[in-house]
C-alpha atoms as a PDB file:
ATOM      1  CA  MET A   1     -92.847-154.085 -94.677  1.00  0.00           C
ATOM      2  CA  SER A   2     -91.398-154.874 -98.068  1.00  0.00           C
ATOM      3  CA  THR A   3     -90.754-152.005-100.450  1.00  0.00           C
ATOM      4  CA  LEU A   4     -90.466-154.310-103.436  1.00  0.00           C
ATOM      5  CA  GLN A   5     -92.837-153.741-106.333  1.00  0.00           C
ATOM      6  CA  PRO A   6     -94.038-156.430-108.739  1.00  0.00           C
ATOM      7  CA  THR A   7     -92.273-156.322-112.066  1.00  0.00           C
ATOM      8  CA  TYR A   8     -94.914-158.386-113.842  1.00  0.00           C
ATOM      9  CA  THR A   9     -97.390-157.258-116.488  1.00  0.00           C
ATOM     10  CA  ASP A  10    -100.238-159.151-118.096  1.00  0.00           C
ATOM     11  CA  ASP A  11     -97.605-160.889-120.227  1.00  0.00           C
ATOM     12  CA  ILE A  12     -97.035-163.245-117.321  1.00  0.00           C
ATOM     13  CA  PHE A  13    -100.391-164.844-118.103  1.00  0.00           C
ATOM     14  CA  LYS A  14     -98.997-166.000-121.455  1.00  0.00           C
ATOM     15  CA  LEU A  15     -96.709-168.401-119.622  1.00  0.00           C
ATOM     16  CA  SER A  16     -97.776-171.974-118.960  1.00  0.00           C
ATOM     17  CA  ILE A  17     -97.295-171.703-115.189  1.00  0.00           C
ATOM     18  CA  PRO A  18     -99.843-170.557-112.577  1.00  0.00           C
ATOM     19  CA  VAL A  19     -99.633-167.027-111.239  1.00  0.00           C
ATOM     20  CA  LEU A  20     -99.597-166.465-107.466  1.00  0.00           C
ATOM     21  CA  ALA A  21    -101.658-163.560-106.162  1.00  0.00           C
ATOM     22  CA  VAL A  22    -102.926-162.143-102.878  1.00  0.00           C
ATOM     23  CA  ASP A  23    -106.505-160.952-102.319  1.00  0.00           C
ATOM     24  CA  ILE A  24    -107.637-159.203 -99.151  1.00  0.00           C
ATOM     25  CA  VAL A  25    -111.090-159.041 -97.583  1.00  0.00           C
ATOM     26  CA  LEU A  26    -111.134-155.922 -95.435  1.00  0.00           C
ATOM     27  CA  PHE A  27    -114.072-155.789 -93.009  1.00  0.00           C
ATOM     28  CA  THR A  28    -115.149-152.677 -91.145  1.00  0.00           C
ATOM     29  CA  LEU A  29    -118.329-151.350 -89.539  1.00  0.00           C
ATOM     30  CA  TYR A  30    -120.017-148.344 -91.108  1.00  0.00           C
ATOM     31  CA  LYS A  31    -123.409-146.960 -90.104  1.00  0.00           C
ATOM     32  CA  ASP A  32    -124.221-150.126 -88.152  1.00  0.00           C
ATOM     33  CA  GLN A  33    -123.483-152.394 -91.099  1.00  0.00           C
ATOM     34  CA  LEU A  34    -120.679-154.867 -91.685  1.00  0.00           C
ATOM     35  CA  CYS A  35    -118.989-153.607 -94.836  1.00  0.00           C
ATOM     36  CA  VAL A  36    -116.283-154.819 -97.205  1.00  0.00           C
ATOM     37  CA  VAL A  37    -113.814-152.525 -98.950  1.00  0.00           C
ATOM     38  CA  LEU A  38    -113.734-153.075-102.719  1.00  0.00           C
ATOM     39  CA  VAL A  39    -111.856-151.342-105.525  1.00  0.00           C
ATOM     40  CA  PRO A  40    -112.670-150.786-109.209  1.00  0.00           C
ATOM     41  CA  GLY A  41    -111.538-153.535-111.581  1.00  0.00           C
ATOM     42  CA  ARG A  42    -108.136-152.701-113.078  1.00  0.00           C
ATOM     43  CA  ASN A  43    -108.288-154.565-116.382  1.00  0.00           C
ATOM     44  CA  GLU A  44    -110.670-155.297-119.234  1.00  0.00           C
ATOM     45  CA  TRP A  45    -111.723-158.613-117.698  1.00  0.00           C
ATOM     46  CA  ALA A  46    -113.002-156.874-114.571  1.00  0.00           C
ATOM     47  CA  GLN A  47    -114.401-153.698-116.106  1.00  0.00           C
ATOM     48  CA  TRP A  48    -117.663-152.396-114.659  1.00  0.00           C
ATOM     49  CA  LYS A  49    -117.230-154.615-111.614  1.00  0.00           C
ATOM     50  CA  LEU A  50    -115.566-154.285-108.226  1.00  0.00           C
ATOM     51  CA  THR A  51    -112.763-156.458-106.902  1.00  0.00           C
ATOM     52  CA  LEU A  52    -110.999-157.147-103.652  1.00  0.00           C
ATOM     53  CA  PRO A  53    -107.756-155.270-103.016  1.00  0.00           C
ATOM     54  CA  GLY A  54    -105.239-157.634-104.530  1.00  0.00           C
ATOM     55  CA  GLY A  55    -102.411-158.242-106.910  1.00  0.00           C
ATOM     56  CA  ILE A  56     -99.609-160.485-108.043  1.00  0.00           C
ATOM     57  CA  ILE A  57     -96.862-161.222-105.530  1.00  0.00           C
ATOM     58  CA  GLY A  58     -93.663-159.365-106.303  1.00  0.00           C
ATOM     59  CA  ARG A  59     -90.371-161.093-106.868  1.00  0.00           C
ATOM     60  CA  GLY A  60     -88.721-161.651-103.481  1.00  0.00           C
ATOM     61  CA  GLU A  61     -91.854-160.893-101.446  1.00  0.00           C
ATOM     62  CA  THR A  62     -93.404-163.117 -98.824  1.00  0.00           C
ATOM     63  CA  LEU A  63     -97.191-163.495 -98.741  1.00  0.00           C
ATOM     64  CA  ASP A  64     -97.461-161.253 -95.677  1.00  0.00           C
ATOM     65  CA  GLU A  65     -95.277-158.588 -97.274  1.00  0.00           C
ATOM     66  CA  ALA A  66     -97.395-158.631-100.411  1.00  0.00           C
ATOM     67  CA  ALA A  67    -100.587-158.358 -98.359  1.00  0.00           C
ATOM     68  CA  ASP A  68     -99.195-155.388 -96.419  1.00  0.00           C
ATOM     69  CA  ARG A  69     -98.075-153.644 -99.615  1.00  0.00           C
ATOM     70  CA  ILE A  70    -101.416-154.171-101.336  1.00  0.00           C
ATOM     71  CA  LEU A  71    -103.357-152.890 -98.326  1.00  0.00           C
ATOM     72  CA  VAL A  72    -101.356-149.669 -98.298  1.00  0.00           C
ATOM     73  CA  ARG A  73    -101.528-149.262-102.067  1.00  0.00           C
ATOM     74  CA  ASP A  74    -105.287-149.792-102.336  1.00  0.00           C
ATOM     75  CA  THR A  75    -106.630-148.526 -98.998  1.00  0.00           C
ATOM     76  CA  ASN A  76    -103.863-146.594 -97.191  1.00  0.00           C
ATOM     77  CA  ILE A  77    -104.372-148.987 -94.272  1.00  0.00           C
ATOM     78  CA  ALA A  78    -101.358-150.400 -92.418  1.00  0.00           C
ATOM     79  CA  GLY A  79    -100.547-152.139 -89.168  1.00  0.00           C
ATOM     80  CA  VAL A  80    -103.922-153.836 -88.689  1.00  0.00           C
ATOM     81  CA  TYR A  81    -104.977-157.355 -87.753  1.00  0.00           C
ATOM     82  CA  LYS A  82    -104.839-159.752 -90.694  1.00  0.00           C
ATOM     83  CA  GLU A  83    -105.088-163.494 -91.008  1.00  0.00           C
ATOM     84  CA  GLN A  84    -104.514-165.906 -93.859  1.00  0.00           C
ATOM     85  CA  LEU A  85    -107.870-167.222 -94.954  1.00  0.00           C
ATOM     86  CA  TYR A  86    -107.589-169.863 -97.659  1.00  0.00           C
ATOM     87  CA  THR A  87    -105.878-170.648-100.954  1.00  0.00           C
ATOM     88  CA  PHE A  88    -108.233-170.532-103.921  1.00  0.00           C
ATOM     89  CA  SER A  89    -106.987-172.393-106.992  1.00  0.00           C
ATOM     90  CA  GLY A  90    -110.042-173.386-108.999  1.00  0.00           C
ATOM     91  CA  HIS A  91    -109.899-173.434-112.767  1.00  0.00           C
ATOM     92  CA  ASN A  92    -111.136-170.378-114.670  1.00  0.00           C
ATOM     93  CA  ARG A  93    -110.816-168.036-111.686  1.00  0.00           C
ATOM     94  CA  ASP A  94    -109.388-165.415-114.041  1.00  0.00           C
ATOM     95  CA  ASP A  95    -110.028-165.142-117.768  1.00  0.00           C
ATOM     96  CA  ARG A  96    -106.385-164.244-118.353  1.00  0.00           C
ATOM     97  CA  GLY A  97    -104.958-167.545-117.109  1.00  0.00           C
ATOM     98  CA  ASP A  98    -104.438-169.780-114.071  1.00  0.00           C
ATOM     99  CA  VAL A  99    -104.245-167.675-110.916  1.00  0.00           C
ATOM    100  CA  ILE A 100    -103.795-169.072-107.410  1.00  0.00           C
ATOM    101  CA  SER A 101    -105.006-166.656-104.760  1.00  0.00           C
ATOM    102  CA  CYS A 102    -103.723-166.767-101.211  1.00  0.00           C
ATOM    103  CA  SER A 103    -106.447-164.760 -99.525  1.00  0.00           C
ATOM    104  CA  TYR A 104    -106.455-162.853 -96.256  1.00  0.00           C
ATOM    105  CA  TYR A 105    -109.101-161.167 -94.185  1.00  0.00           C
ATOM    106  CA  THR A 106    -108.449-158.141 -92.038  1.00  0.00           C
ATOM    107  CA  LEU A 107    -110.424-156.065 -89.544  1.00  0.00           C
ATOM    108  CA  VAL A 108    -110.312-152.307 -89.170  1.00  0.00           C
ATOM    109  CA  GLY A 109    -112.220-150.185 -86.668  1.00  0.00           C
ATOM    110  CA  ALA A 110    -114.496-147.546 -88.145  1.00  0.00           C
ATOM    111  CA  GLN A 111    -112.613-144.600 -86.632  1.00  0.00           C
ATOM    112  CA  ALA A 112    -109.224-145.760 -87.900  1.00  0.00           C
ATOM    113  CA  PHE A 113    -110.725-146.669 -91.248  1.00  0.00           C
ATOM    114  CA  LEU A 114    -112.425-143.342 -91.902  1.00  0.00           C
ATOM    115  CA  SER A 115    -109.347-141.382 -90.836  1.00  0.00           C
ATOM    116  CA  ARG A 116    -107.077-143.133 -93.358  1.00  0.00           C
ATOM    117  CA  ILE A 117    -109.065-144.121 -96.417  1.00  0.00           C
ATOM    118  CA  ASP A 118    -110.162-142.052 -99.406  1.00  0.00           C
ATOM    119  CA  LEU A 119    -113.784-142.975-100.078  1.00  0.00           C
ATOM    120  CA  THR A 120    -113.521-141.539-103.593  1.00  0.00           C
ATOM    121  CA  LYS A 121    -111.108-144.335-104.531  1.00  0.00           C
ATOM    122  CA  VAL A 122    -112.783-147.351-102.934  1.00  0.00           C
ATOM    123  CA  ALA A 123    -116.288-148.718-102.517  1.00  0.00           C
ATOM    124  CA  LEU A 124    -117.596-149.476 -99.050  1.00  0.00           C
ATOM    125  CA  VAL A 125    -120.196-152.176 -99.689  1.00  0.00           C
ATOM    126  CA  PRO A 126    -122.454-153.769 -97.047  1.00  0.00           C
ATOM    127  CA  TYR A 127    -121.786-157.502 -96.854  1.00  0.00           C
ATOM    128  CA  ASP A 128    -125.391-158.433 -97.589  1.00  0.00           C
ATOM    129  CA  GLN A 129    -125.300-156.473-100.862  1.00  0.00           C
ATOM    130  CA  ILE A 130    -122.334-158.322-102.361  1.00  0.00           C
ATOM    131  CA  SER A 131    -122.969-160.726-105.231  1.00  0.00           C
ATOM    132  CA  SER A 132    -121.220-162.190-108.250  1.00  0.00           C
ATOM    133  CA  ASP A 133    -123.220-159.783-110.424  1.00  0.00           C
ATOM    134  CA  THR A 134    -121.235-156.806-109.160  1.00  0.00           C
ATOM    135  CA  VAL A 135    -117.976-158.365-107.887  1.00  0.00           C
ATOM    136  CA  ALA A 136    -115.468-159.771-110.391  1.00  0.00           C
ATOM    137  CA  TYR A 137    -113.806-163.186-110.578  1.00  0.00           C
ATOM    138  CA  ASP A 138    -114.704-165.468-107.646  1.00  0.00           C
ATOM    139  CA  HIS A 139    -114.301-162.643-105.144  1.00  0.00           C
ATOM    140  CA  ALA A 140    -117.915-162.858-103.941  1.00  0.00           C
ATOM    141  CA  HIS A 141    -117.175-166.464-102.923  1.00  0.00           C
ATOM    142  CA  ILE A 142    -113.954-165.418-101.170  1.00  0.00           C
ATOM    143  CA  ILE A 143    -115.853-162.723 -99.254  1.00  0.00           C
ATOM    144  CA  GLN A 144    -118.508-165.219 -98.205  1.00  0.00           C
ATOM    145  CA  TYR A 145    -115.820-167.604 -96.946  1.00  0.00           C
ATOM    146  CA  ALA A 146    -114.130-164.780 -95.036  1.00  0.00           C
ATOM    147  CA  TYR A 147    -117.412-163.781 -93.412  1.00  0.00           C
ATOM    148  CA  GLN A 148    -117.963-167.348 -92.232  1.00  0.00           C
ATOM    149  CA  ARG A 149    -114.444-167.437 -90.776  1.00  0.00           C
ATOM    150  CA  LEU A 150    -115.051-164.128 -88.997  1.00  0.00           C
ATOM    151  CA  GLN A 151    -118.272-165.416 -87.468  1.00  0.00           C
ATOM    152  CA  TRP A 152    -116.545-168.554 -86.187  1.00  0.00           C
ATOM    153  CA  LYS A 153    -113.662-166.510 -84.795  1.00  0.00           C
ATOM    154  CA  MET A 154    -116.067-164.177 -82.993  1.00  0.00           C
ATOM    155  CA  GLU A 155    -117.615-167.137 -81.186  1.00  0.00           C
ATOM    156  CA  TYR A 156    -114.469-168.384 -79.462  1.00  0.00           C
ATOM    157  CA  THR A 157    -111.840-165.615 -79.480  1.00  0.00           C
ATOM    158  CA  ASN A 158    -111.478-161.923 -78.654  1.00  0.00           C
ATOM    159  CA  VAL A 159    -110.971-161.011 -82.346  1.00  0.00           C
ATOM    160  CA  VAL A 160    -113.754-158.433 -81.975  1.00  0.00           C
ATOM    161  CA  ARG A 161    -111.193-156.151 -80.323  1.00  0.00           C
ATOM    162  CA  ASN A 162    -109.790-155.363 -83.765  1.00  0.00           C
ATOM    163  CA  ILE A 163    -112.977-153.716 -84.963  1.00  0.00           C
ATOM    164  CA  LEU A 164    -113.786-151.676 -81.845  1.00  0.00           C
ATOM    165  CA  PRO A 165    -112.264-148.416 -80.588  1.00  0.00           C
ATOM    166  CA  LEU A 166    -109.785-148.604 -77.720  1.00  0.00           C
ATOM    167  CA  GLN A 167    -112.562-147.777 -75.244  1.00  0.00           C
ATOM    168  CA  PHE A 168    -116.182-148.798 -75.746  1.00  0.00           C
ATOM    169  CA  SER A 169    -119.425-149.363 -73.888  1.00  0.00           C
ATOM    170  CA  LEU A 170    -121.066-152.754 -73.402  1.00  0.00           C
ATOM    171  CA  ARG A 171    -123.844-151.538 -75.666  1.00  0.00           C
ATOM    172  CA  GLU A 172    -121.328-150.921 -78.454  1.00  0.00           C
ATOM    173  CA  LEU A 173    -119.771-154.335 -77.897  1.00  0.00           C
ATOM    174  CA  GLN A 174    -123.117-156.112 -78.056  1.00  0.00           C
ATOM    175  CA  ASN A 175    -124.033-154.164 -81.160  1.00  0.00           C
ATOM    176  CA  VAL A 176    -120.923-155.441 -82.975  1.00  0.00           C
ATOM    177  CA  TYR A 177    -121.689-159.043 -82.030  1.00  0.00           C
ATOM    178  CA  GLU A 178    -125.274-158.694 -83.204  1.00  0.00           C
ATOM    179  CA  ILE A 179    -124.250-157.135 -86.525  1.00  0.00           C
ATOM    180  CA  VAL A 180    -121.518-159.655 -87.358  1.00  0.00           C
ATOM    181  CA  LEU A 181    -123.315-162.760 -86.091  1.00  0.00           C
ATOM    182  CA  ASP A 182    -126.674-161.578 -87.431  1.00  0.00           C
ATOM    183  CA  LYS A 183    -128.560-162.428 -84.254  1.00  0.00           C
ATOM    184  CA  THR A 184    -130.050-160.667 -81.254  1.00  0.00           C
ATOM    185  CA  PHE A 185    -128.845-161.231 -77.684  1.00  0.00           C
ATOM    186  CA  ASP A 186    -130.668-160.628 -74.443  1.00  0.00           C
ATOM    187  CA  LYS A 187    -128.969-157.593 -72.930  1.00  0.00           C
ATOM    188  CA  ARG A 188    -128.690-158.938 -69.392  1.00  0.00           C
ATOM    189  CA  ASN A 189    -127.476-162.409 -70.383  1.00  0.00           C
ATOM    190  CA  PHE A 190    -124.974-161.014 -72.872  1.00  0.00           C
ATOM    191  CA  ARG A 191    -123.406-158.680 -70.338  1.00  0.00           C
ATOM    192  CA  LYS A 192    -123.293-161.359 -67.669  1.00  0.00           C
ATOM    193  CA  LYS A 193    -121.504-163.744 -70.026  1.00  0.00           C
ATOM    194  CA  ILE A 194    -119.058-161.177 -71.374  1.00  0.00           C
ATOM    195  CA  LEU A 195    -118.083-159.857 -67.950  1.00  0.00           C
ATOM    196  CA  SER A 196    -117.568-163.402 -66.635  1.00  0.00           C
ATOM    197  CA  LEU A 197    -114.868-164.103 -69.229  1.00  0.00           C
ATOM    198  CA  GLY A 198    -112.347-161.654 -67.820  1.00  0.00           C
ATOM    199  CA  MET A 199    -111.534-160.236 -71.237  1.00  0.00           C
ATOM    200  CA  LEU A 200    -112.608-156.688 -70.357  1.00  0.00           C
ATOM    201  CA  ILE A 201    -111.178-154.067 -68.022  1.00  0.00           C
ATOM    202  CA  GLU A 202    -113.437-151.352 -66.672  1.00  0.00           C
ATOM    203  CA  THR A 203    -111.991-147.878 -67.193  1.00  0.00           C
ATOM    204  CA  ASN A 204    -112.746-144.733 -65.249  1.00  0.00           C
ATOM    205  CA  GLU A 205    -114.278-143.131 -68.328  1.00  0.00           C
ATOM    206  CA  TYR A 206    -117.918-142.756 -69.364  1.00  0.00           C
ATOM    207  CA  ASP A 207    -119.663-142.308 -72.708  1.00  0.00           C
ATOM    208  CA  THR A 208    -121.541-139.024 -72.352  1.00  0.00           C
ATOM    209  CA  GLU A 209    -122.176-138.412 -76.053  1.00  0.00           C
ATOM    210  CA  ASN A 210    -124.085-141.458 -77.298  1.00  0.00           C
ATOM    211  CA  SER A 211    -126.367-142.092 -74.363  1.00  0.00           C
ATOM    212  CA  LYS A 212    -128.709-140.039 -72.201  1.00  0.00           C
ATOM    213  CA  ARG A 213    -127.422-141.999 -69.240  1.00  0.00           C
ATOM    214  CA  PRO A 214    -123.584-142.021 -69.208  1.00  0.00           C
ATOM    215  CA  ALA A 215    -122.359-145.543 -69.915  1.00  0.00           C
ATOM    216  CA  LYS A 216    -119.209-147.078 -68.465  1.00  0.00           C
ATOM    217  CA  LEU A 217    -116.384-147.570 -70.913  1.00  0.00           C
ATOM    218  CA  TYR A 218    -114.295-150.722 -71.092  1.00  0.00           C
ATOM    219  CA  THR A 219    -111.136-151.859 -72.818  1.00  0.00           C
ATOM    220  CA  PHE A 220    -109.764-155.319 -73.596  1.00  0.00           C
ATOM    221  CA  SER A 221    -107.459-157.007 -71.115  1.00  0.00           C
ATOM    222  CA  ASP A 222    -105.385-158.693 -73.843  1.00  0.00           C
ATOM    223  CA  SER A 223    -103.707-157.023 -76.789  1.00  0.00           C
ATOM    224  CA  GLU A 224    -103.227-160.295 -78.676  1.00  0.00           C
ATOM    225  CA  LEU A 225    -105.676-162.810 -80.098  1.00  0.00           C
ATOM    226  CA  LYS A 226    -106.833-165.151 -77.355  1.00  0.00           C
ATOM    227  CA  ILE A 227    -109.162-168.166 -77.215  1.00  0.00           C
ATOM    228  CA  ILE A 228    -111.845-167.507 -74.623  1.00  0.00           C
ATOM    229  CA  GLY A 229    -115.026-169.345 -75.671  1.00  0.00           C
ATOM    230  CA  ILE A 230    -117.420-166.399 -75.783  1.00  0.00           C
ATOM    231  CA  LEU A 231    -120.596-167.973 -77.147  1.00  0.00           C
END
């Protein structure tokens, strides 16, 4: 990870060239809701509103290095799944000047998230409560785009592994799919489909805390993103 720090101030917006920035949509599950991590606006143009973790790319940084640095700076999160989302370059994105945002989305499991982040410094906002009234710039639009990408990815890959603990029950797995995709699945059909894909490995462990009847725990067979055609 780069240790470089941006040397720019708001004076850069006085130049006649576009500014390149990175914005990050960090999704996690909290209290059975899909949530996005937001931070307080850092300048007068974003006062009283929340923003995505983001910032101007430092001199000598790659996009990935900038994204990693910003994640650590704003959320204390590192080493998690992230994916480039889209480049937003519309006019009037930022009142200070022309800003091109290379956006990312990232997924963090609830346990890892809560163990690393300081909830007094960030806002954990349910996705369905995000709007342009409370989120600065065009960040509500970026979040909406990221959510759509996440839903698509959930339907044909094993990306869900990045938001679950290492071991989980089939009930927990189904719950994540239902929350993110905003739909209900028949329990029997869901389990039959999931188990037929070969993406899970049955462990010898059982969940004895969250169920009256101990539930088998599973883990994912692949540690990397894989296309499997789930739904």
